[in-house]
Amino acid sequence: MKTRILIYSLICFYGLLWGGGVSAHFFWQRTPPGAQWTAPAFLACAAALVLLGASSGRLWLAAVGAGGFLAEVGGVQVALLFGPYSYSGVLQPQLAGVPVVMACAWVILLAYVKNRLGRLEMNLWVAVVAGAVWMTAIDLLIDPVATLGLGYWVWHAPGPYYGVPFSNFTGWLVVSAVLLAAGWNVRVEGPGPRWVGLSVIVFFGLLAAAHRLWWPAAVAGALCGWDAWLAKGQREEPAEGRAETGTAEKSET
């Protein structure tokens, strides 16, 4: 009962942060002064809902958060993976130059991708590659919004895609593949990972539209369409199975 109350409270809080963030950027194109705390609260709340709403895979998700955070530290300190960049002071607190809530971002997105991959018939390595590509597609949406719209970090060697270098997407592909391969036999079940992850995609898609970042907004639309197509296929499968079973029973009779 207490867990259910906690989840409902977090959903209400998350909904307020989600709606407030979208409204602020459509009306003023920025987070209001004094409301910088809402960004880390948004990510932390979303990650909590993912973990509470997942019926399996929580231990792997905790490891994903730690692994993603360490990859960010390596990226900031020695430009190891993503290209030279540094975080601004928007997201606090920070450790080794990286906002602590970046661990939450990796948890949210990889939980979403892993949850959806679990509904597809794929062998291990195909699933790892598909998941890494999926994560990189999500970053095509998030990175321009996070830098140009929200000012979370700055690229020191800007690239051709809204200032984002191609090395960043290579880094996302590699780190995502490693983390997915480490959890190759883990299933992330439950409604939380899908709905929270999808809500984050819609959130960044709306912010992209608010800042007139049309290609990222189009990526968000494609990602949502892909999710809807997968969900439609999953709803149709049981119905087809029931129809086939019924036909078989009639013919036996």
Protein backbone atom coordinates (compact mmCIF):
# COMPACT_ATOMS: atom_id res chain seq x y z
CA MET A 1 0.00 0.00 0.00
CA LYS A 2 2.83 2.40 0.93
CA THR A 3 4.64 1.60 -2.33
CA ARG A 4 1.49 2.32 -4.33
CA ILE A 5 1.02 5.68 -2.58
CA LEU A 6 4.67 6.51 -3.28
CA ILE A 7 4.27 5.63 -6.98
CA TYR A 8 1.10 7.70 -7.34
CA SER A 9 2.78 10.65 -5.59
CA LEU A 10 5.79 10.40 -7.90
CA ILE A 11 3.54 10.20 -10.96
CA CYS A 12 1.74 13.40 -9.91
CA PHE A 13 5.04 15.18 -9.23
CA TYR A 14 6.50 13.95 -12.50
CA GLY A 15 3.41 15.11 -14.38
CA LEU A 16 3.74 18.60 -12.89
CA LEU A 17 7.42 18.82 -13.83
CA TRP A 18 6.69 17.45 -17.33
CA GLY A 19 3.84 19.89 -18.01
CA GLY A 20 5.68 22.81 -16.44
CA GLY A 21 8.81 22.18 -18.49
CA VAL A 22 6.93 21.95 -21.79
CA SER A 23 4.87 25.07 -21.01
CA ALA A 24 7.90 27.11 -19.97
CA HIS A 25 9.75 26.41 -23.20
CA PHE A 26 6.77 27.03 -25.43
CA PHE A 27 6.00 30.36 -23.76
CA TRP A 28 9.48 31.65 -22.83
CA GLN A 29 11.96 29.26 -24.56
CA ARG A 30 13.74 28.76 -21.25
CA THR A 31 13.43 27.49 -17.71
CA PRO A 32 12.23 30.34 -15.46
CA PRO A 33 14.82 31.87 -13.09
CA GLY A 34 14.91 30.05 -9.79
CA ALA A 35 13.50 26.84 -11.28
CA GLN A 36 16.80 25.19 -12.25
CA TRP A 37 16.17 22.52 -9.61
CA THR A 38 13.34 21.14 -11.75
CA ALA A 39 15.67 19.60 -14.36
CA PRO A 40 17.54 17.22 -12.00
CA ALA A 41 14.28 16.58 -10.12
CA PHE A 42 12.63 15.59 -13.41
CA LEU A 43 15.34 13.05 -14.26
CA ALA A 44 15.54 11.67 -10.72
CA CYS A 45 11.76 11.29 -10.51
CA ALA A 46 11.62 9.57 -13.90
CA ALA A 47 14.36 7.11 -12.91
CA ALA A 48 12.57 6.35 -9.63
CA LEU A 49 9.36 5.60 -11.53
CA VAL A 50 11.26 3.32 -13.90
CA LEU A 51 12.80 1.34 -11.05
CA LEU A 52 9.55 1.16 -9.07
CA GLY A 53 7.56 0.28 -12.18
CA ALA A 54 9.93 -2.46 -13.36
CA SER A 55 9.02 -5.97 -12.25
CA SER A 56 12.47 -7.32 -13.20
CA GLY A 57 15.94 -6.16 -14.18
CA ARG A 58 16.43 -3.60 -11.39
CA LEU A 59 19.92 -4.77 -10.47
CA TRP A 60 21.09 -4.47 -14.08
CA LEU A 61 19.52 -1.02 -14.33
CA ALA A 62 21.44 0.11 -11.25
CA ALA A 63 24.64 -1.15 -12.90
CA VAL A 64 23.63 0.68 -16.10
CA GLY A 65 23.35 3.94 -14.16
CA ALA A 66 26.83 3.46 -12.69
CA GLY A 67 28.33 2.41 -16.03
CA GLY A 68 26.77 5.29 -17.93
CA PHE A 69 27.96 7.77 -15.32
CA LEU A 70 31.53 6.44 -15.49
CA ALA A 71 31.43 6.73 -19.29
CA GLU A 72 30.38 10.38 -18.88
CA VAL A 73 33.25 11.00 -16.46
CA GLY A 74 35.68 9.52 -18.98
CA GLY A 75 34.14 11.67 -21.70
CA VAL A 76 34.46 14.88 -19.71
CA GLN A 77 37.88 14.29 -18.18
CA VAL A 78 39.81 12.93 -21.16
CA ALA A 79 37.39 13.26 -24.12
CA LEU A 80 37.56 9.48 -24.20
CA LEU A 81 34.35 8.52 -25.94
CA PHE A 82 32.05 11.29 -27.09
CA GLY A 83 34.38 14.10 -28.11
CA PRO A 84 35.53 17.15 -26.10
CA TYR A 85 32.68 18.64 -24.05
CA SER A 86 31.92 19.95 -20.57
CA TYR A 87 28.80 20.35 -18.48
CA SER A 88 27.44 23.74 -17.47
CA GLY A 89 26.19 24.43 -13.97
CA VAL A 90 22.52 23.83 -14.84
CA LEU A 91 22.37 20.26 -13.55
CA GLN A 92 23.48 19.96 -9.94
CA PRO A 93 25.02 18.35 -7.93
CA GLN A 94 28.06 17.27 -9.93
CA LEU A 95 30.82 14.75 -9.32
CA ALA A 96 34.09 14.81 -11.31
CA GLY A 97 32.51 17.41 -13.61
CA VAL A 98 29.43 15.27 -14.39
CA PRO A 99 25.92 15.86 -12.99
CA VAL A 100 24.95 12.95 -10.77
CA VAL A 101 21.53 12.72 -12.45
CA MET A 102 23.16 11.68 -15.73
CA ALA A 103 23.15 8.20 -14.21
CA CYS A 104 19.36 8.53 -14.11
CA ALA A 105 19.25 9.46 -17.80
CA TRP A 106 21.08 6.25 -18.76
CA VAL A 107 18.73 4.20 -16.56
CA ILE A 108 15.60 5.75 -18.11
CA LEU A 109 16.63 5.34 -21.74
CA LEU A 110 18.24 1.91 -21.55
CA ALA A 111 15.32 0.59 -19.48
CA TYR A 112 12.95 1.79 -22.20
CA VAL A 113 14.96 0.28 -25.06
CA LYS A 114 15.56 -3.00 -23.20
CA ASN A 115 11.86 -3.27 -22.36
CA ARG A 116 10.82 -2.82 -25.99
CA LEU A 117 13.54 -5.14 -27.30
CA GLY A 118 12.20 -7.83 -24.99
CA ARG A 119 9.03 -7.93 -27.10
CA LEU A 120 10.91 -8.73 -30.31
CA GLU A 121 12.19 -12.09 -31.49
CA MET A 122 15.93 -11.44 -31.84
CA ASN A 123 19.09 -13.35 -31.06
CA LEU A 124 21.62 -11.89 -28.61
CA TRP A 125 23.91 -9.92 -30.90
CA VAL A 126 21.18 -8.64 -33.18
CA ALA A 127 19.37 -7.32 -30.09
CA VAL A 128 22.54 -5.63 -28.81
CA VAL A 129 23.19 -3.91 -32.14
CA ALA A 130 19.53 -2.94 -32.59
CA GLY A 131 19.39 -1.56 -29.06
CA ALA A 132 22.57 0.46 -29.54
CA VAL A 133 21.24 1.93 -32.79
CA TRP A 134 17.94 2.70 -31.04
CA MET A 135 19.77 4.52 -28.24
CA THR A 136 21.77 6.50 -30.79
CA ALA A 137 18.55 7.49 -32.58
CA ILE A 138 17.18 8.77 -29.27
CA ASP A 139 20.35 10.86 -28.84
CA LEU A 140 19.71 12.45 -32.25
CA LEU A 141 16.68 13.94 -30.51
CA ILE A 142 18.04 14.65 -27.04
CA ASP A 143 21.50 16.11 -27.69
CA PRO A 144 20.48 19.19 -29.74
CA VAL A 145 17.70 20.03 -27.27
CA ALA A 146 19.98 19.52 -24.24
CA THR A 147 22.67 21.80 -25.67
CA LEU A 148 20.84 24.48 -27.67
CA GLY A 149 17.54 24.54 -25.79
CA LEU A 150 18.51 23.66 -22.22
CA GLY A 151 22.22 24.49 -22.01
CA TYR A 152 23.15 21.32 -20.13
CA TRP A 153 26.57 20.96 -21.76
CA VAL A 154 28.81 22.59 -24.39
CA TRP A 155 30.77 20.99 -27.23
CA HIS A 156 34.33 22.31 -27.54
CA ALA A 157 34.70 21.03 -31.11
CA PRO A 158 31.23 21.54 -32.62
CA GLY A 159 30.03 19.20 -35.34
CA PRO A 160 27.63 19.47 -38.29
CA TYR A 161 24.44 18.23 -36.59
CA TYR A 162 23.22 21.23 -34.57
CA GLY A 163 26.75 21.59 -33.27
CA VAL A 164 26.97 17.95 -32.15
CA PRO A 165 30.07 16.09 -33.43
CA PHE A 166 29.71 12.66 -35.03
CA SER A 167 32.07 11.28 -32.38
CA ASN A 168 29.29 11.75 -29.86
CA PHE A 169 27.00 9.35 -31.72
CA THR A 170 29.82 6.84 -32.11
CA GLY A 171 30.34 7.04 -28.35
CA TRP A 172 26.64 6.51 -27.65
CA LEU A 173 26.63 3.50 -29.97
CA VAL A 174 29.65 1.90 -28.28
CA VAL A 175 28.63 2.59 -24.66
CA SER A 176 25.05 1.47 -25.27
CA ALA A 177 26.24 -1.74 -26.95
CA VAL A 178 28.57 -2.55 -24.04
CA LEU A 179 25.87 -1.95 -21.43
CA LEU A 180 23.30 -3.96 -23.39
CA ALA A 181 25.75 -6.81 -23.93
CA ALA A 182 26.49 -6.86 -20.19
CA GLY A 183 22.79 -7.47 -19.57
CA TRP A 184 22.16 -9.78 -22.53
CA ASN A 185 20.14 -12.25 -20.42
CA VAL A 186 18.23 -9.63 -18.42
CA ARG A 187 14.58 -8.84 -19.10
CA VAL A 188 13.19 -5.46 -18.05
CA GLU A 189 9.50 -6.08 -17.54
CA GLY A 190 6.67 -3.94 -16.22
CA PRO A 191 4.82 -0.83 -17.44
CA GLY A 192 7.13 1.77 -15.88
CA PRO A 193 10.12 1.48 -18.25
CA ARG A 194 8.03 1.85 -21.39
CA TRP A 195 5.72 4.68 -20.35
CA VAL A 196 8.37 6.76 -18.59
CA GLY A 197 10.84 6.34 -21.46
CA LEU A 198 8.19 7.22 -24.03
CA SER A 199 7.13 10.27 -22.01
CA VAL A 200 10.74 11.51 -21.99
CA ILE A 201 10.92 11.12 -25.78
CA VAL A 202 7.68 13.08 -26.19
CA PHE A 203 8.95 15.71 -23.73
CA PHE A 204 12.15 16.33 -25.69
CA GLY A 205 10.23 16.22 -28.96
CA LEU A 206 7.94 19.01 -27.77
CA LEU A 207 10.91 21.04 -26.52
CA ALA A 208 12.56 20.56 -29.92
CA ALA A 209 9.44 21.99 -31.56
CA ALA A 210 9.36 24.86 -29.06
CA HIS A 211 12.93 25.78 -30.05
CA ARG A 212 12.27 25.16 -33.76
CA LEU A 213 14.71 22.27 -33.93
CA TRP A 214 12.77 20.53 -36.65
CA TRP A 215 14.99 17.55 -37.39
CA PRO A 216 15.12 16.45 -33.72
CA ALA A 217 11.35 17.00 -33.55
CA ALA A 218 10.94 14.75 -36.59
CA VAL A 219 13.13 12.10 -34.93
CA ALA A 220 10.83 12.23 -31.89
CA GLY A 221 7.82 11.69 -34.14
CA ALA A 222 9.52 8.71 -35.82
CA LEU A 223 10.44 7.18 -32.46
CA CYS A 224 6.87 7.54 -31.18
CA GLY A 225 5.52 6.06 -34.41
CA TRP A 226 7.89 3.09 -34.09
CA ASP A 227 6.76 2.52 -30.49
CA ALA A 228 3.09 2.68 -31.51
CA TRP A 229 3.70 0.21 -34.35
CA LEU A 230 5.37 -2.23 -31.95
CA ALA A 231 2.52 -1.90 -29.45
CA LYS A 232 -0.06 -2.47 -32.21
CA GLY A 233 1.70 -5.64 -33.31
CA GLN A 234 1.76 -6.94 -29.75
CA ARG A 235 -1.98 -6.31 -29.32
CA GLU A 236 -2.79 -8.14 -32.53
CA GLU A 237 -0.69 -11.23 -31.77
CA PRO A 238 -2.80 -12.54 -28.85
CA ALA A 239 -6.01 -11.96 -30.84
CA GLU A 240 -4.62 -13.94 -33.77
CA GLY A 241 -3.50 -16.68 -31.42
CA ARG A 242 -6.97 -16.91 -29.88
CA ALA A 243 -8.58 -17.03 -33.33
CA GLU A 244 -6.29 -19.87 -34.44
CA THR A 245 -6.96 -21.79 -31.22
CA GLY A 246 -10.71 -21.38 -31.68
CA THR A 247 -10.54 -22.61 -35.27
CA ALA A 248 -8.53 -25.64 -34.23
CA GLU A 249 -11.02 -26.49 -31.50
CA LYS A 250 -13.95 -26.26 -33.94
CA SER A 251 -12.27 -28.50 -36.49
CA GLU A 252 -11.52 -31.09 -33.79
CA THR A 253 -15.18 -31.00 -32.76
